[in-house]
Protein backbone atom coordinates (compact mmCIF):
# COMPACT_ATOMS: atom_id res chain seq x y z
CA PRO A 1 -20.16 0.74 29.23
CA PRO A 2 -22.59 0.59 26.23
CA PRO A 3 -24.18 -2.74 25.09
CA PRO A 4 -21.89 -4.90 22.88
CA LEU A 5 -21.85 -4.45 19.06
CA SER A 6 -24.18 -7.05 17.70
CA SER A 7 -26.15 -7.60 14.45
CA GLY A 8 -29.58 -5.87 14.72
CA ASN A 9 -28.79 -3.80 17.81
CA VAL A 10 -29.11 -0.04 17.65
CA VAL A 11 -26.21 1.91 19.23
CA SER A 12 -25.83 5.58 20.14
CA ILE A 13 -22.77 7.53 19.23
CA GLY A 14 -22.90 11.23 20.05
CA GLU A 15 -26.15 12.57 19.01
CA ARG A 16 -26.80 9.96 16.43
CA ARG A 17 -27.99 6.27 16.47
CA TYR A 18 -26.98 3.49 14.24
CA LEU A 19 -28.52 0.06 13.32
CA LEU A 20 -25.72 -2.59 13.13
CA HIS A 21 -25.60 -4.96 10.33
CA SER A 22 -22.37 -7.08 10.23
CA PRO A 23 -18.76 -7.07 11.16
CA LEU A 24 -16.43 -5.60 8.34
CA GLY A 25 -13.14 -6.76 9.78
CA SER A 26 -10.94 -6.75 12.93
CA GLY A 27 -7.33 -6.15 13.86
CA THR A 28 -4.96 -5.96 16.81
CA TYR A 29 -6.53 -2.87 18.26
CA SER A 30 -10.12 -2.70 16.92
CA CYS A 31 -12.97 -4.08 15.21
CA VAL A 32 -15.25 -2.30 12.60
CA TRP A 33 -18.95 -2.88 11.95
CA LEU A 34 -21.22 -2.06 8.96
CA ALA A 35 -24.12 -0.06 10.03
CA ARG A 36 -26.90 2.27 8.93
CA VAL A 37 -28.00 5.70 10.26
CA ALA A 38 -31.14 5.34 12.39
CA SER A 39 -31.54 8.91 13.21
CA VAL A 40 -34.57 10.34 11.57
CA GLY A 41 -33.95 12.94 8.97
CA TRP A 42 -30.04 12.65 9.03
CA GLU A 43 -29.89 10.83 5.74
CA ALA A 44 -30.14 14.22 3.93
CA GLU A 45 -27.05 15.33 5.87
CA ALA A 46 -24.84 12.46 4.62
CA ASP A 47 -22.55 12.80 1.77
CA GLY A 48 -24.58 12.07 -1.39
CA GLY A 49 -27.46 11.08 0.83
CA ALA A 50 -25.73 7.70 1.81
CA ALA A 51 -26.75 6.40 5.15
CA GLU A 52 -24.22 3.43 5.20
CA VAL A 53 -21.63 4.02 7.74
CA ALA A 54 -18.80 2.07 9.47
CA ILE A 55 -18.43 1.84 13.30
CA LYS A 56 -15.02 1.43 14.70
CA GLU A 57 -14.62 0.13 18.42
CA MET A 58 -11.44 0.15 20.33
CA LYS A 59 -10.36 -0.15 23.90
CA CYS A 60 -7.80 2.23 25.18
CA GLY A 61 -6.11 3.21 28.49
CA ARG A 62 -4.94 0.56 31.00
CA GLY A 63 -6.73 -2.54 31.78
CA PRO A 64 -7.11 -6.22 31.02
CA GLY A 65 -6.72 -7.21 27.27
CA ILE A 66 -5.59 -3.59 26.40
CA LEU A 67 -2.19 -3.33 24.67
CA PRO A 68 0.48 -1.13 26.17
CA ASP A 69 0.42 1.40 23.31
CA ALA A 70 -3.41 1.65 22.98
CA THR A 71 -3.27 4.82 24.97
CA LEU A 72 -6.16 7.32 25.26
CA GLN A 73 -3.83 9.86 23.67
CA ARG A 74 -3.25 7.60 20.57
CA THR A 75 -7.15 7.11 20.24
CA ARG A 76 -7.91 10.67 20.46
CA TYR A 77 -5.19 11.54 17.97
CA GLU A 78 -6.60 9.02 15.44
CA VAL A 79 -9.88 10.84 15.50
CA GLN A 80 -8.10 14.28 15.21
CA VAL A 81 -6.13 13.24 12.18
CA MET A 82 -9.33 12.10 10.36
CA GLN A 83 -11.17 15.37 11.29
CA ARG A 84 -8.15 17.50 10.22
CA LEU A 85 -7.75 15.54 6.95
CA ALA A 86 -11.30 15.99 6.01
CA ALA A 87 -11.09 19.60 6.87
CA GLU A 88 -8.02 20.25 4.99
CA ALA A 89 -9.33 18.35 1.90
CA ALA A 90 -12.44 20.43 1.78
CA CYS A 91 -10.44 23.67 1.75
CA SER A 92 -8.44 22.33 -1.10
CA SER A 93 -9.98 23.23 -4.55
CA GLY A 94 -10.31 20.20 -6.79
CA SER A 95 -9.15 17.62 -4.01
CA THR A 96 -11.24 14.57 -3.29
CA LEU A 97 -10.73 12.90 -0.16
CA CYS A 98 -10.06 9.16 -0.47
CA ALA A 99 -10.61 8.32 3.19
CA PRO A 100 -13.51 8.05 5.70
CA ARG A 101 -15.06 11.15 7.11
CA ILE A 102 -15.73 11.30 10.88
CA LEU A 103 -19.45 11.69 11.80
CA ASP A 104 -19.05 11.30 15.54
CA HIS A 105 -17.21 9.50 18.27
CA GLN A 106 -17.77 8.89 22.05
CA PHE A 107 -15.77 7.47 25.01
CA TRP A 108 -17.18 5.23 27.73
CA PRO A 109 -15.59 4.04 31.05
CA LEU A 110 -15.30 0.30 31.16
CA GLY A 111 -16.38 0.11 34.76
CA PRO A 112 -14.94 -0.16 38.27
CA GLU A 113 -12.98 -3.32 37.54
CA ALA A 114 -10.77 -1.26 35.05
CA PRO A 115 -11.04 2.37 36.28
CA GLU A 116 -8.29 3.62 33.68
CA ALA A 117 -9.77 1.83 30.65
CA LEU A 118 -12.14 3.31 28.20
CA LEU A 119 -14.06 2.04 25.25
CA CYS A 120 -14.32 4.35 22.09
CA ARG A 121 -16.60 4.12 19.34
CA VAL A 122 -16.18 6.11 16.12
CA ALA A 123 -18.86 6.53 13.46
CA MET A 124 -17.46 7.33 9.91
CA THR A 125 -18.67 7.28 6.52
CA ARG A 126 -18.06 3.92 4.91
CA CYS A 127 -15.59 3.76 1.84
CA ARG A 128 -16.92 1.44 -0.79
CA GLY A 129 -15.02 -1.68 -1.71
CA GLN A 130 -12.85 -4.39 -0.04
CA PRO A 131 -9.23 -4.51 0.99
CA LEU A 132 -6.89 -4.38 -1.96
CA CYS A 133 -5.31 -7.74 -1.18
CA GLU A 134 -8.69 -9.42 -1.21
CA TRP A 135 -9.62 -7.84 -4.45
CA THR A 136 -6.42 -8.57 -6.29
CA GLU A 137 -6.48 -12.28 -5.02
CA ALA A 138 -10.05 -12.67 -6.32
CA CYS A 139 -8.88 -11.12 -9.71
CA ARG A 140 -5.97 -13.45 -9.77
CA LEU A 141 -8.13 -16.54 -9.21
CA ARG A 142 -10.54 -15.43 -11.99
CA GLY A 143 -7.67 -15.09 -14.36
CA GLU A 144 -6.46 -18.50 -13.51
CA GLY A 145 -9.86 -19.94 -14.19
CA TRP A 146 -10.11 -17.93 -17.63
CA ALA A 147 -6.64 -19.38 -18.66
CA GLN A 148 -7.80 -22.90 -17.75
CA SER A 149 -11.02 -22.55 -19.62
CA ALA A 150 -9.34 -21.08 -22.66
CA ALA A 151 -6.73 -24.10 -22.54
CA ARG A 152 -9.52 -26.52 -22.48
CA SER A 153 -11.39 -24.92 -25.32
CA ALA A 154 -8.05 -24.98 -27.35
CA SER A 155 -7.64 -28.60 -26.52
CA PHE A 156 -11.24 -29.37 -27.72
CA VAL A 157 -10.65 -27.48 -31.01
CA ALA A 158 -7.45 -29.24 -31.61
CA ALA A 159 -9.00 -32.70 -30.89
CA ALA A 160 -11.80 -31.73 -33.40
CA GLY A 161 -9.07 -31.23 -36.02
CA SER A 162 -9.95 -27.65 -36.86
CA ALA A 163 -6.78 -26.12 -35.33
CA ALA A 164 -5.02 -26.24 -38.63
CA ALA A 165 -7.24 -23.52 -39.95
CA VAL A 166 -5.51 -21.04 -37.61
CA PRO A 167 -1.94 -20.47 -38.40
CA GLU A 168 0.61 -20.62 -35.60
CA ALA A 169 1.68 -17.00 -36.29
CA LEU A 170 -1.81 -15.66 -35.91
CA ARG A 171 -2.27 -17.61 -32.68
CA GLN A 172 0.90 -16.06 -31.24
CA HIS A 173 -0.03 -12.70 -32.46
CA GLU A 174 -3.44 -13.08 -30.66
CA ALA A 175 -1.67 -14.47 -27.60
CA THR A 176 0.88 -11.45 -27.57
CA ALA A 177 -2.05 -8.95 -27.98
CA ALA A 178 -3.84 -10.44 -25.00
CA TYR A 179 -0.62 -10.42 -22.91
CA CYS A 180 -0.13 -6.74 -23.66
CA THR A 181 -3.71 -5.72 -22.97
CA SER A 182 -3.69 -7.54 -19.74
CA PHE A 183 -0.45 -5.67 -18.69
CA LEU A 184 -1.99 -2.43 -19.69
CA ALA A 185 -5.06 -2.98 -17.62
CA ALA A 186 -2.98 -3.90 -14.83
CA ALA A 187 -0.55 -0.85 -15.13
CA LEU A 188 -3.46 1.47 -15.44
CA ALA A 189 -5.18 0.19 -12.51
CA ALA A 190 -1.92 0.81 -10.55
CA ARG A 191 -1.98 4.33 -12.00
CA ALA A 192 -5.54 4.92 -10.95
CA LEU A 193 -4.39 3.92 -7.41
CA LEU A 194 -1.65 6.54 -7.47
CA VAL A 195 -3.74 9.27 -8.97
CA GLN A 196 -6.62 8.98 -6.59
CA LEU A 197 -4.54 8.54 -3.39
CA GLY A 198 -1.81 10.94 -4.13
CA PRO A 199 -3.59 14.02 -3.09
CA THR A 200 -4.96 12.51 0.13
CA PHE A 201 -1.42 11.51 1.19
CA GLN A 202 -0.09 14.91 0.08
CA THR A 203 -2.61 16.51 2.54
CA LEU A 204 -1.82 13.95 5.16
CA ASN A 205 2.00 13.86 5.11
CA GLY A 206 2.24 17.61 4.34
CA SER A 207 1.08 19.06 7.60
CA ILE A 208 -0.99 16.52 9.46
CA ALA A 209 0.58 13.09 10.08
CA MET A 210 2.56 10.11 8.89
CA HIS A 211 0.23 7.05 8.38
CA ARG A 212 2.98 4.43 9.16
CA ASP A 213 0.60 1.47 8.37
CA VAL A 214 -0.06 1.56 4.66
CA ASN A 215 -0.52 -1.90 3.33
CA ALA A 216 -2.84 -3.80 1.07
CA ARG A 217 -5.39 -4.49 3.83
CA ASN A 218 -5.57 -0.64 4.70
CA LEU A 219 -6.20 0.24 1.09
CA LEU A 220 -9.77 -0.35 -0.25
CA VAL A 221 -10.78 -0.70 -3.84
CA PHE A 222 -14.26 -0.82 -5.36
CA SER A 223 -14.76 -2.01 -8.94
CA PRO A 224 -18.08 -1.48 -10.86
CA ASP A 225 -16.93 -4.24 -13.12
CA PRO A 226 -17.07 -7.48 -11.12
CA THR A 227 -15.01 -9.23 -13.92
CA PHE A 228 -12.16 -6.77 -14.05
CA PRO A 229 -9.74 -7.06 -15.57
CA ILE A 230 -10.62 -10.57 -17.40
CA SER A 231 -13.41 -8.80 -19.32
CA LEU A 232 -10.89 -6.43 -21.08
CA CYS A 233 -8.53 -9.08 -22.50
CA ASN A 234 -9.78 -8.53 -26.15
CA SER A 235 -10.74 -4.62 -25.54
CA ALA A 236 -9.31 -1.67 -27.27
CA ALA A 237 -6.93 0.50 -24.97
CA PRO A 238 -9.34 3.34 -24.47
CA THR A 239 -12.03 0.87 -23.15
CA VAL A 240 -9.33 -0.54 -20.85
CA SER A 241 -8.37 2.90 -19.71
CA MET A 242 -12.01 3.86 -18.77
CA ALA A 243 -12.49 0.67 -16.90
CA ALA A 244 -9.25 1.37 -14.81
CA GLU A 245 -10.31 4.95 -14.13
CA ALA A 246 -13.60 3.65 -12.89
CA LEU A 247 -11.90 1.92 -9.93
CA GLU A 248 -12.18 3.71 -6.54
CA PHE A 249 -9.47 3.60 -4.00
CA SER A 250 -9.37 4.84 -0.48
CA VAL A 251 -7.09 4.60 2.62
CA VAL A 252 -8.38 3.49 6.04
CA ASP A 253 -7.13 2.83 9.68
CA PHE A 254 -5.25 5.87 11.01
CA GLY A 255 -4.47 4.31 14.40
CA ALA A 256 -0.69 4.19 13.90
CA CYS A 257 -0.39 7.90 12.86
CA VAL A 258 2.14 10.34 14.34
CA ASP A 259 2.23 13.99 14.06
CA ALA A 260 4.10 15.26 10.94
CA ALA A 261 5.93 17.88 12.80
CA ALA A 262 6.80 15.67 15.84
CA TRP A 263 7.91 12.91 13.43
CA ILE A 264 10.91 15.00 11.98
CA GLY A 265 11.84 16.19 15.50
CA ASP A 266 13.88 14.52 18.28
CA GLY A 267 11.35 14.20 21.10
CA GLU A 268 8.45 11.88 21.79
CA GLY A 269 6.69 10.79 18.62
CA SER A 270 9.81 11.34 16.50
CA TRP A 271 11.53 8.95 14.06
CA GLN A 272 14.34 8.73 16.65
CA ALA A 273 11.98 7.93 19.69
CA ALA A 274 9.24 5.80 17.90
CA ASN A 275 10.09 2.21 16.50
CA PRO A 276 8.71 1.20 13.26
CA THR A 277 5.10 -0.24 13.30
CA GLY A 278 2.62 -1.62 10.83
CA ASP A 279 2.96 -4.58 8.38
CA ALA A 280 6.67 -5.17 7.94
CA ARG A 281 6.20 -6.72 4.38
CA TYR A 282 5.66 -2.87 3.34
CA TRP A 283 8.73 -1.61 5.10
CA GLY A 284 11.40 -0.19 3.13
CA PRO A 285 15.22 -0.53 3.61
CA ALA A 286 15.08 2.52 6.01
CA SER A 287 12.39 0.96 8.26
CA TRP A 288 14.31 -2.30 8.60
CA ALA A 289 17.56 -0.38 9.26
CA ARG A 290 15.76 1.73 11.85
CA HIS A 291 14.25 -1.26 13.61
CA LEU A 292 17.37 -3.63 13.48
CA GLU A 293 20.18 -1.10 14.21
CA GLY A 294 18.32 1.99 15.77
CA PRO A 295 18.42 5.74 14.63
CA GLU A 296 22.24 5.76 14.18
CA ALA A 297 21.87 3.51 11.11
CA LEU A 298 19.90 6.29 9.37
CA ARG A 299 21.98 9.16 10.65
CA GLY A 300 24.83 7.45 8.55
CA ASP A 301 22.85 7.18 5.22
CA ALA A 302 21.35 10.23 3.77
CA ALA A 303 19.08 8.30 1.35
CA LEU A 304 17.78 6.00 4.09
CA LEU A 305 17.19 8.93 6.46
CA ARG A 306 15.09 10.83 3.93
CA GLN A 307 13.08 7.73 3.05
CA TYR A 308 12.18 7.06 6.65
CA THR A 309 11.54 10.62 7.68
CA ARG A 310 9.94 12.03 4.53
CA ARG A 311 8.86 9.27 2.26
CA LEU A 312 7.66 6.49 4.59
CA ASP A 313 4.08 6.34 3.26
CA MET A 314 5.21 6.91 -0.22
CA PHE A 315 7.17 3.76 -0.33
CA ALA A 316 4.48 1.57 1.11
CA VAL A 317 1.90 3.11 -1.45
CA ALA A 318 4.27 2.20 -4.24
CA VAL A 319 4.66 -1.42 -2.87
CA CYS A 320 0.94 -1.64 -2.80
CA ALA A 321 0.70 -0.43 -6.49
CA MET A 322 3.40 -2.93 -7.63
CA GLU A 323 1.59 -5.77 -5.73
CA ALA A 324 -1.65 -4.77 -7.46
CA MET A 325 -0.05 -4.58 -11.00
CA ALA A 326 1.46 -8.05 -10.50
CA ALA A 327 -1.62 -9.65 -9.25
CA LEU A 328 -3.80 -8.17 -12.02
CA HIS A 329 -1.58 -9.17 -14.96
CA THR A 330 -2.92 -12.50 -15.24
CA VAL A 331 -2.38 -13.56 -18.82
CA GLU A 332 0.64 -16.04 -19.33
CA CYS A 333 3.64 -15.05 -21.30
CA PRO A 334 3.28 -16.35 -25.04
CA SER A 335 5.65 -18.83 -25.97
CA ALA A 336 6.77 -17.09 -29.17
CA PRO A 337 5.72 -13.38 -28.85
CA SER A 338 5.06 -11.57 -32.19
CA SER A 339 7.64 -9.08 -33.41
CA ASN A 340 5.35 -5.96 -32.57
CA GLY A 341 5.19 -6.97 -28.84
CA ARG A 342 8.36 -9.10 -28.10
CA GLU A 343 10.23 -6.35 -26.66
CA LEU A 344 7.46 -5.32 -24.14
CA VAL A 345 6.86 -8.91 -23.29
CA ASP A 346 10.53 -9.50 -22.47
CA GLY A 347 10.58 -6.31 -20.31
CA VAL A 348 7.42 -7.18 -18.59
CA GLU A 349 8.72 -10.67 -17.78
CA ARG A 350 12.10 -9.22 -16.41
CA LEU A 351 9.76 -6.74 -14.31
CA ARG A 352 7.79 -9.79 -13.09
CA ARG A 353 10.81 -11.62 -12.05
CA GLY A 354 12.21 -8.67 -10.21
CA TRP A 355 9.06 -8.05 -8.24
CA THR A 356 8.91 -11.80 -7.29
CA GLY A 357 12.29 -11.76 -5.88
CA TYR A 358 11.60 -8.59 -3.91
CA TRP A 359 8.33 -9.75 -2.56
CA GLU A 360 9.68 -13.21 -1.58
CA LEU A 361 12.42 -11.35 0.31
CA ALA A 362 9.93 -9.02 1.98
CA VAL A 363 7.68 -11.87 3.09
CA HIS A 364 10.62 -13.98 4.45
CA SER A 365 12.00 -11.16 6.47
CA PHE A 366 8.41 -10.54 7.71
CA ASP A 367 8.10 -14.12 8.70
CA LEU A 368 11.51 -14.04 10.68
CA LEU A 369 10.36 -10.77 12.48
CA ALA A 370 7.02 -12.57 13.46
CA ALA A 371 8.89 -15.55 14.78
CA TYR A 372 11.08 -13.12 16.88
CA SER A 373 7.97 -11.32 18.20
CA HIS A 374 6.21 -14.67 18.99
CA HIS A 375 9.22 -15.96 21.00
CA ALA A 376 10.05 -12.76 22.72
CA CYS A 377 6.34 -12.21 23.76
CA ALA A 378 6.42 -16.01 25.14
CA GLY A 379 9.49 -15.12 27.21
CA ASP A 380 11.70 -17.52 25.17
CA ASP A 381 14.65 -15.02 24.98
CA ALA A 382 17.13 -17.51 23.77
CA THR A 383 15.32 -18.45 20.71
CA ALA A 384 14.17 -14.88 20.20
CA GLY A 385 17.80 -13.87 20.25
CA GLN A 386 18.84 -16.51 17.73
CA VAL A 387 16.09 -15.26 15.35
CA TRP A 388 17.11 -11.72 15.86
CA ASN A 389 20.85 -12.43 15.16
CA GLY A 390 19.68 -14.04 11.90
CA LEU A 391 17.91 -10.93 10.88
CA LEU A 392 21.07 -8.97 11.51
CA GLN A 393 23.39 -11.45 9.70
CA ALA A 394 20.97 -11.55 6.72
CA ASN A 395 21.51 -7.73 6.40
CA VAL A 396 17.89 -7.24 5.47
CA PRO A 397 18.13 -3.48 4.68
CA GLN A 398 20.93 -4.05 2.08
CA ALA A 399 19.34 -7.18 0.68
CA LEU A 400 16.02 -5.27 -0.03
CA ARG A 401 18.01 -2.22 -1.39
CA ASP A 402 19.64 -4.54 -3.94
CA CYS A 403 16.30 -5.96 -5.02
CA ILE A 404 14.91 -2.59 -5.19
CA GLY A 405 17.78 -1.47 -7.30
CA GLU A 406 17.16 -4.42 -9.85
CA LEU A 407 13.39 -3.93 -9.87
CA CYS A 408 13.72 -0.13 -10.37
CA ALA A 409 16.17 -0.81 -13.36
CA ASN A 410 13.46 -2.93 -14.81
CA LEU A 411 10.81 -0.33 -14.28
CA SER A 412 12.90 2.30 -15.97
CA ALA A 413 13.59 0.12 -19.06
CA ALA A 414 9.99 -0.87 -19.38
CA ALA A 415 8.94 2.72 -19.08
CA GLU A 416 11.44 3.94 -21.76
CA HIS A 417 10.32 1.24 -24.13
CA LEU A 418 6.68 2.22 -23.81
CA ARG A 419 7.51 5.88 -24.51
CA ARG A 420 9.63 4.89 -27.46
CA ALA A 421 7.76 2.19 -29.24
CA PRO A 422 4.35 1.36 -27.63
CA PRO A 423 2.94 -2.02 -28.90
CA ALA A 424 -0.35 -0.58 -29.97
CA PRO A 425 -2.19 1.28 -32.74
CA GLU A 426 -1.73 5.00 -32.94
CA GLY A 427 -5.07 5.72 -31.10
CA ALA A 428 -3.69 3.74 -27.89
CA VAL A 429 -0.32 5.67 -27.55
CA THR A 430 -1.76 8.06 -24.86
CA GLN A 431 -2.71 4.91 -22.71
CA TRP A 432 0.68 3.36 -23.12
CA ARG A 433 2.40 6.65 -22.21
CA GLN A 434 0.31 6.94 -19.13
CA ALA A 435 1.45 3.43 -18.31
CA ALA A 436 5.07 4.48 -18.85
CA GLY A 437 4.53 7.54 -16.52
CA MET A 438 3.16 5.15 -13.87
CA LEU A 439 6.26 3.04 -14.14
CA SER A 440 8.55 6.03 -13.86
CA ALA A 441 6.66 7.18 -10.62
CA LEU A 442 6.93 3.73 -9.15
CA ARG A 443 10.68 3.93 -9.68
CA GLU A 444 11.00 7.21 -7.91
CA MET A 445 8.67 6.19 -5.01
CA LEU A 446 10.72 3.07 -4.31
CA LEU A 447 14.27 4.13 -4.62
CA PRO A 448 15.91 5.41 -1.39
CA GLU A 449 17.51 8.03 -3.62
CA GLY A 450 14.41 8.97 -5.24
CA ARG A 451 13.44 12.69 -5.04
CA LEU A 452 9.80 12.45 -5.92
CA GLU A 453 7.38 14.24 -3.77
CA TRP A 454 3.53 13.85 -3.55
CA ALA A 455 3.26 17.27 -5.24
CA ASP A 456 5.36 15.99 -8.20
CA LEU A 457 3.22 12.87 -8.79
CA PRO A 458 0.58 14.32 -11.12
CA ALA A 459 3.18 15.48 -13.57
CA VAL A 460 5.06 12.14 -13.52
CA LEU A 461 1.77 10.27 -14.14
CA SER A 462 0.79 12.46 -17.02
CA SER A 463 1.33 11.08 -20.55
CA SER A 464 3.73 13.99 -21.24
CA ALA A 465 6.38 13.14 -18.63
CA SER A 466 9.54 12.07 -20.10
CA ALA A 467 12.06 9.44 -18.81
CA ALA A 468 14.91 11.73 -18.86
CA SER A 469 13.31 14.40 -16.65
CA PRO A 470 10.40 12.75 -14.65
CA LEU A 471 10.31 15.25 -11.72
CA GLY A 472 8.91 18.75 -11.15
CA ALA A 473 10.81 21.58 -9.97
CA SER A 474 9.85 21.13 -6.29
CA ALA A 475 11.81 17.97 -5.75
CA GLU A 476 15.23 19.58 -5.36
CA VAL A 477 13.78 22.08 -2.88
CA CYS A 478 12.17 19.41 -0.84
CA PHE A 479 15.48 17.33 -0.78
CA SER A 480 17.78 20.28 0.10
CA ASP A 481 15.44 21.27 2.94
CA ILE A 482 16.73 18.39 4.91
CA ASP A 483 20.10 19.76 5.94
CA GLU A 484 18.67 23.32 6.61
CA ASP A 485 15.79 22.73 9.05
CA SER A 486 16.04 22.53 12.72
CA HIS A 487 14.91 19.02 13.33
CA ASP A 488 18.19 17.16 13.69
CA LEU A 489 18.09 15.82 10.15
CA SER A 490 21.35 17.37 8.92
CA VAL A 491 23.22 15.42 6.36
CA ALA A 492 26.00 17.73 5.79
CA SER A 493 28.64 15.52 7.91
CA ILE A 494 27.13 12.10 7.13
CA LYS A 495 29.79 9.50 6.38
CA THR A 496 29.05 7.02 3.55
CA ARG A 497 28.37 3.46 4.84
CA THR A 498 30.13 0.59 3.22
CA PRO A 499 27.52 -1.84 1.86
CA SER A 500 27.45 -5.38 3.21
CA PRO A 501 27.24 -8.27 0.80
CA ARG A 502 23.76 -9.53 0.18
CA LYS A 503 22.85 -12.73 1.85
CA SER A 504 20.63 -15.25 0.00
CA PHE A 505 17.17 -15.98 1.13
CA GLY A 506 14.75 -18.92 0.73
CA GLY A 507 11.46 -18.17 -0.95
CA GLY A 508 8.48 -16.99 1.01
CA GLY A 509 4.84 -16.11 0.34
CA GLY A 510 1.28 -16.96 1.03
CA ASP A 511 -1.22 -15.23 3.21
CA VAL A 512 0.27 -14.34 6.63
CA SER A 513 -1.42 -12.89 9.54
CA LEU A 514 -1.10 -9.07 9.95
CA THR A 515 -1.50 -9.24 13.74
CA ASP A 516 1.28 -11.77 14.52
CA ALA A 517 4.25 -9.16 14.07
CA ARG A 518 3.47 -5.65 15.36
CA PRO A 519 7.02 -4.74 15.96
CA GLU A 520 5.70 -1.86 18.18
CA LEU A 521 4.54 -4.65 20.59
CA THR A 522 8.08 -6.23 20.85
CA THR A 523 10.97 -3.88 21.73
CA PRO A 524 14.18 -4.78 19.84
CA PRO A 525 16.94 -6.31 21.83
CA HIS A 526 19.12 -3.23 21.76
CA GLN A 527 16.44 -1.35 23.47
CA ARG A 528 15.38 -3.91 25.98
């Protein structure tokens, strides 16, 4: 095997050499390092002349410390997906690839002690930025700091006796304006995420693969403005729009991908054969139904079947966009909103409560699944069985579906208000309508019954989209394809399931490990 990755070392991958700098991150299956191209003369070949790259290392095959599903086939397929994605994006006019490009890769045997084990290193272009979850958390903390500073300043002014010079109505008007601007910045940032990543996922899901592990750690974001969005609190809408459009988003980690054609079939690598994987906080009702009850649960529900087989990544991208929007909207709700913004403030607060309820349920369900995986892997079948029965009794798929229904109703109401009466001067109408289109898109992406396809997304996100008819003409065609293809996805004879009552859940939240609950590593009891 080659020498280990270490800061300052030069490693060879294929025909090129790379100078290692520092670790970028690690996960269940791999680690990633920042490096620079060391080969003389190659810098001119890199995109834009950039010589900074990422080196991903993973072990595969069979051997000590190698997970059962870390197969050579899976590792090779990850490389193939990235190669095909870059090639197809290059052939699409006007399409920008928001993902790393493969530069080279190489396999090495790990030695006679593990004759069936291999080490793979992949060199790829480095996407700028940091994980979305880290960036939004930093933005949230900056927002809290700004709010505390503003509160201290207000207290100082009041103590000095000069507060009477500012009428209460004016203070509430300014607070309402700051609140609305904060929401606009958050909504346009979420819109930028969808605008940029949509074409890449359209290419990926269209003919290559399903990603299956979209989450806020596998989406990267780069912001030229290190103080975004706090710096925009008193800015005009066009300035807010330009700042949001300057954000750069990308998707990484294609290790959980499955072939798109195989996925909708009935053999190996299909939705019927492969268990859900990835971060369960970003699973939709369909993924939970598939994991808890098996393929039969989806055959009995046309909407869930389509969400799982066709819109798996779309749902997770929408959750990431909602998560980002909620975290970036940092200004507190004014105590007495001014009349020109009161309806929007009320609608956004309902939206915030709806999202909080959904996210707490998603995290709580994730925690239970992590506990099940922990006990099952430790051989404690009795405790694992109790946790699993708790998940079944909680009816997580229906509980999530109920939360999504409420959340989507709030998205629709807020979008309609923004189209009808945007809380801004005439010059900002375009930006508010763009925000409305983004809210409509999220609604269609989240709903199991939604008909939105990646190809429809640009039209919905445009400022001209209407609430009454948000979808392009292709949506009907895509949905009707399900019962006509030859991939055992017919819904012609599906019976309607009787929804079970929603169970109550306690709160959840906080940062949780992404490596504690890879469902793929722990077979559900009904398959054991």
